[in-house]
Amino acid sequence: MEIPYTIFLGIYFLAVLFILVYALINLLHVMRLSRLSNHVVLVSFLFIAGTLFILFMSYHSLVKINWQQRIDWHSTINESFQEFNPL
C-alpha cells in the first residue's frame, strides 16, 4: 500500500487554514473591542509579521520536496520489524 506525500500536504494546508482563520478572528476581536493604542497596533503588527514569516519559511521548505514520491507502508513496517527481531 502506497500513500502519496500530497495527502500530508493537504492535511498540513487544512491545519494552516484553520490557524489563519482563528488568528484572523482573534485580530478582528482585538481591533473591535480594544482601544487602538500604540501597544495594540504594535502587537498586532508583530503578530501579522510573525505569521507571514512562518508562512514564508514553510513555503520555502515545502518547495524543495518532491511531491510525486510515495510512501510504501509494507516495506517500511517490515524493515522496522526486522531491525528489532533478535533472531
N, C-alpha and C. Protein backbone atom coordinates (compact mmCIF):
# COMPACT_ATOMS: atom_id res chain seq x y z
N MET A 1 0.85 -1.18 0.00
CA MET A 1 0.00 0.00 0.00
C MET A 1 0.89 1.23 0.00
N GLU A 2 0.68 2.07 -0.96
CA GLU A 2 1.48 3.29 -1.08
C GLU A 2 0.60 4.51 -0.82
N ILE A 3 1.17 5.46 -0.11
CA ILE A 3 0.46 6.69 0.20
C ILE A 3 1.28 7.85 -0.37
N PRO A 4 0.66 8.72 -1.19
CA PRO A 4 1.42 9.84 -1.75
C PRO A 4 1.67 10.93 -0.70
N TYR A 5 2.76 11.64 -0.90
CA TYR A 5 3.09 12.74 0.00
C TYR A 5 2.03 13.84 -0.02
N THR A 6 1.30 13.97 -1.11
CA THR A 6 0.33 15.06 -1.23
C THR A 6 -0.78 14.96 -0.19
N ILE A 7 -1.03 13.77 0.34
CA ILE A 7 -2.02 13.65 1.41
C ILE A 7 -1.57 14.42 2.64
N PHE A 8 -0.29 14.30 2.97
CA PHE A 8 0.24 15.03 4.12
C PHE A 8 0.26 16.53 3.86
N LEU A 9 0.49 16.91 2.61
CA LEU A 9 0.45 18.33 2.25
C LEU A 9 -0.96 18.89 2.43
N GLY A 10 -1.97 18.12 2.03
CA GLY A 10 -3.36 18.55 2.20
C GLY A 10 -3.73 18.70 3.67
N ILE A 11 -3.30 17.75 4.49
CA ILE A 11 -3.56 17.84 5.93
C ILE A 11 -2.87 19.07 6.52
N TYR A 12 -1.64 19.32 6.07
CA TYR A 12 -0.90 20.49 6.54
C TYR A 12 -1.61 21.78 6.16
N PHE A 13 -2.08 21.87 4.91
CA PHE A 13 -2.77 23.08 4.47
C PHE A 13 -4.09 23.28 5.20
N LEU A 14 -4.79 22.21 5.54
CA LEU A 14 -6.01 22.36 6.34
C LEU A 14 -5.69 22.91 7.73
N ALA A 15 -4.60 22.43 8.33
CA ALA A 15 -4.20 22.94 9.65
C ALA A 15 -3.80 24.41 9.56
N VAL A 16 -3.07 24.78 8.51
CA VAL A 16 -2.66 26.18 8.33
C VAL A 16 -3.89 27.05 8.11
N LEU A 17 -4.84 26.59 7.33
CA LEU A 17 -6.06 27.36 7.09
C LEU A 17 -6.84 27.56 8.39
N PHE A 18 -6.95 26.52 9.20
CA PHE A 18 -7.64 26.63 10.48
C PHE A 18 -6.95 27.66 11.38
N ILE A 19 -5.63 27.61 11.44
CA ILE A 19 -4.88 28.54 12.30
C ILE A 19 -5.03 29.97 11.79
N LEU A 20 -4.99 30.17 10.48
CA LEU A 20 -5.14 31.52 9.93
C LEU A 20 -6.53 32.09 10.18
N VAL A 21 -7.56 31.27 10.04
CA VAL A 21 -8.93 31.75 10.31
C VAL A 21 -9.07 32.10 11.78
N TYR A 22 -8.55 31.25 12.65
CA TYR A 22 -8.60 31.51 14.09
C TYR A 22 -7.85 32.80 14.44
N ALA A 23 -6.68 33.00 13.84
CA ALA A 23 -5.89 34.21 14.11
C ALA A 23 -6.61 35.45 13.59
N LEU A 24 -7.23 35.34 12.43
CA LEU A 24 -7.96 36.48 11.88
C LEU A 24 -9.14 36.86 12.78
N ILE A 25 -9.85 35.88 13.27
CA ILE A 25 -10.97 36.15 14.18
C ILE A 25 -10.46 36.83 15.45
N ASN A 26 -9.34 36.34 15.99
CA ASN A 26 -8.77 36.97 17.18
C ASN A 26 -8.33 38.40 16.92
N LEU A 27 -7.70 38.65 15.77
CA LEU A 27 -7.28 40.02 15.45
C LEU A 27 -8.49 40.95 15.28
N LEU A 28 -9.54 40.46 14.65
CA LEU A 28 -10.73 41.29 14.49
C LEU A 28 -11.36 41.62 15.84
N HIS A 29 -11.35 40.66 16.77
CA HIS A 29 -11.88 40.94 18.10
C HIS A 29 -11.00 41.95 18.84
N VAL A 30 -9.70 41.84 18.68
CA VAL A 30 -8.80 42.80 19.34
C VAL A 30 -9.06 44.21 18.80
N MET A 31 -9.17 44.34 17.49
CA MET A 31 -9.40 45.65 16.89
C MET A 31 -10.78 46.21 17.25
N ARG A 32 -11.76 45.33 17.39
CA ARG A 32 -13.11 45.79 17.66
C ARG A 32 -13.33 46.13 19.13
N LEU A 33 -12.75 45.37 20.04
CA LEU A 33 -13.08 45.51 21.45
C LEU A 33 -12.05 46.28 22.27
N SER A 34 -10.91 46.61 21.69
CA SER A 34 -9.90 47.32 22.48
C SER A 34 -9.73 48.74 21.95
N ARG A 35 -9.10 49.54 22.80
CA ARG A 35 -8.75 50.88 22.36
C ARG A 35 -7.57 50.75 21.40
N LEU A 36 -7.56 51.53 20.36
CA LEU A 36 -6.45 51.47 19.42
C LEU A 36 -5.30 52.33 19.93
N SER A 37 -4.53 51.75 20.81
CA SER A 37 -3.35 52.44 21.32
C SER A 37 -2.13 51.93 20.56
N ASN A 38 -1.00 52.52 20.87
CA ASN A 38 0.24 52.12 20.20
C ASN A 38 0.59 50.67 20.49
N HIS A 39 0.30 50.22 21.71
CA HIS A 39 0.63 48.85 22.08
C HIS A 39 -0.17 47.83 21.28
N VAL A 40 -1.44 48.10 21.11
CA VAL A 40 -2.31 47.19 20.36
C VAL A 40 -1.87 47.11 18.90
N VAL A 41 -1.57 48.25 18.32
CA VAL A 41 -1.13 48.27 16.92
C VAL A 41 0.21 47.57 16.77
N LEU A 42 1.13 47.79 17.71
CA LEU A 42 2.45 47.15 17.64
C LEU A 42 2.34 45.64 17.78
N VAL A 43 1.58 45.17 18.75
CA VAL A 43 1.43 43.72 18.95
C VAL A 43 0.72 43.09 17.76
N SER A 44 -0.28 43.75 17.22
CA SER A 44 -0.98 43.22 16.04
C SER A 44 -0.04 43.16 14.84
N PHE A 45 0.77 44.20 14.65
CA PHE A 45 1.73 44.19 13.56
C PHE A 45 2.76 43.08 13.73
N LEU A 46 3.27 42.91 14.94
CA LEU A 46 4.25 41.84 15.19
C LEU A 46 3.63 40.47 14.97
N PHE A 47 2.40 40.30 15.36
CA PHE A 47 1.71 39.03 15.15
C PHE A 47 1.56 38.73 13.67
N ILE A 48 1.13 39.72 12.89
CA ILE A 48 0.95 39.53 11.45
C ILE A 48 2.30 39.29 10.78
N ALA A 49 3.32 40.04 11.18
CA ALA A 49 4.66 39.86 10.60
C ALA A 49 5.21 38.48 10.93
N GLY A 50 5.02 38.02 12.15
CA GLY A 50 5.49 36.69 12.54
C GLY A 50 4.77 35.60 11.78
N THR A 51 3.46 35.76 11.59
CA THR A 51 2.69 34.78 10.84
C THR A 51 3.14 34.73 9.38
N LEU A 52 3.36 35.89 8.77
CA LEU A 52 3.84 35.92 7.39
C LEU A 52 5.24 35.31 7.27
N PHE A 53 6.10 35.55 8.26
CA PHE A 53 7.44 34.97 8.26
C PHE A 53 7.36 33.45 8.33
N ILE A 54 6.51 32.93 9.21
CA ILE A 54 6.36 31.47 9.34
C ILE A 54 5.80 30.88 8.04
N LEU A 55 4.83 31.54 7.43
CA LEU A 55 4.29 31.05 6.16
C LEU A 55 5.34 31.07 5.06
N PHE A 56 6.17 32.11 5.02
CA PHE A 56 7.23 32.18 4.02
C PHE A 56 8.26 31.07 4.22
N MET A 57 8.68 30.85 5.46
CA MET A 57 9.65 29.80 5.74
C MET A 57 9.07 28.42 5.46
N SER A 58 7.80 28.25 5.74
CA SER A 58 7.12 26.99 5.44
C SER A 58 7.09 26.74 3.94
N TYR A 59 6.72 27.75 3.19
CA TYR A 59 6.71 27.64 1.73
C TYR A 59 8.11 27.33 1.21
N HIS A 60 9.09 28.03 1.73
CA HIS A 60 10.47 27.85 1.29
C HIS A 60 10.95 26.42 1.55
N SER A 61 10.52 25.81 2.63
CA SER A 61 10.90 24.43 2.95
C SER A 61 10.11 23.42 2.11
N LEU A 62 8.84 23.69 1.88
CA LEU A 62 7.99 22.74 1.17
C LEU A 62 8.26 22.70 -0.33
N VAL A 63 8.81 23.76 -0.89
CA VAL A 63 9.08 23.80 -2.32
C VAL A 63 10.14 22.76 -2.70
N LYS A 64 11.05 22.45 -1.79
CA LYS A 64 12.17 21.56 -2.07
C LYS A 64 11.77 20.08 -2.11
N ILE A 65 10.56 19.74 -1.70
CA ILE A 65 10.15 18.34 -1.58
C ILE A 65 9.53 17.87 -2.90
N ASN A 66 9.89 16.67 -3.31
CA ASN A 66 9.29 16.05 -4.49
C ASN A 66 7.95 15.44 -4.07
N TRP A 67 6.86 16.08 -4.46
CA TRP A 67 5.53 15.65 -4.02
C TRP A 67 4.99 14.48 -4.82
N GLN A 68 5.74 14.00 -5.82
CA GLN A 68 5.32 12.84 -6.61
C GLN A 68 5.72 11.53 -5.95
N GLN A 69 6.59 11.56 -4.95
CA GLN A 69 7.02 10.34 -4.28
C GLN A 69 5.88 9.74 -3.47
N ARG A 70 6.05 8.47 -3.15
CA ARG A 70 5.04 7.76 -2.37
C ARG A 70 5.74 7.03 -1.22
N ILE A 71 4.99 6.79 -0.17
CA ILE A 71 5.50 6.05 0.98
C ILE A 71 4.93 4.64 0.89
N ASP A 72 5.81 3.64 0.88
CA ASP A 72 5.39 2.24 0.84
C ASP A 72 5.34 1.73 2.28
N TRP A 73 4.14 1.60 2.82
CA TRP A 73 3.97 1.23 4.22
C TRP A 73 4.41 -0.19 4.52
N HIS A 74 4.17 -1.10 3.59
CA HIS A 74 4.51 -2.50 3.85
C HIS A 74 6.02 -2.69 4.01
N SER A 75 6.80 -2.14 3.12
CA SER A 75 8.25 -2.32 3.23
C SER A 75 8.80 -1.56 4.43
N THR A 76 8.22 -0.41 4.75
CA THR A 76 8.69 0.36 5.90
C THR A 76 8.43 -0.39 7.20
N ILE A 77 7.25 -0.97 7.32
CA ILE A 77 6.90 -1.72 8.53
C ILE A 77 7.74 -3.00 8.64
N ASN A 78 7.90 -3.71 7.52
CA ASN A 78 8.69 -4.94 7.54
C ASN A 78 10.15 -4.66 7.89
N GLU A 79 10.72 -3.59 7.36
CA GLU A 79 12.12 -3.25 7.66
C GLU A 79 12.28 -2.89 9.13
N SER A 80 11.34 -2.16 9.69
CA SER A 80 11.48 -1.78 11.09
C SER A 80 11.33 -2.98 12.01
N PHE A 81 10.47 -3.96 11.65
CA PHE A 81 10.36 -5.16 12.47
C PHE A 81 11.60 -6.04 12.34
N GLN A 82 12.22 -6.07 11.19
CA GLN A 82 13.42 -6.88 11.00
C GLN A 82 14.60 -6.32 11.80
N GLU A 83 14.65 -5.01 11.98
CA GLU A 83 15.73 -4.40 12.75
C GLU A 83 15.67 -4.84 14.22
N PHE A 84 14.48 -5.01 14.75
CA PHE A 84 14.32 -5.35 16.16
C PHE A 84 14.11 -6.84 16.41
N ASN A 85 14.17 -7.64 15.36
CA ASN A 85 13.99 -9.08 15.51
C ASN A 85 15.30 -9.70 16.03
N PRO A 86 15.29 -10.29 17.21
CA PRO A 86 16.53 -10.82 17.78
C PRO A 86 16.99 -12.12 17.10
N LEU A 87 16.17 -12.70 16.26
CA LEU A 87 16.55 -13.98 15.65
C LEU A 87 17.44 -13.75 14.49
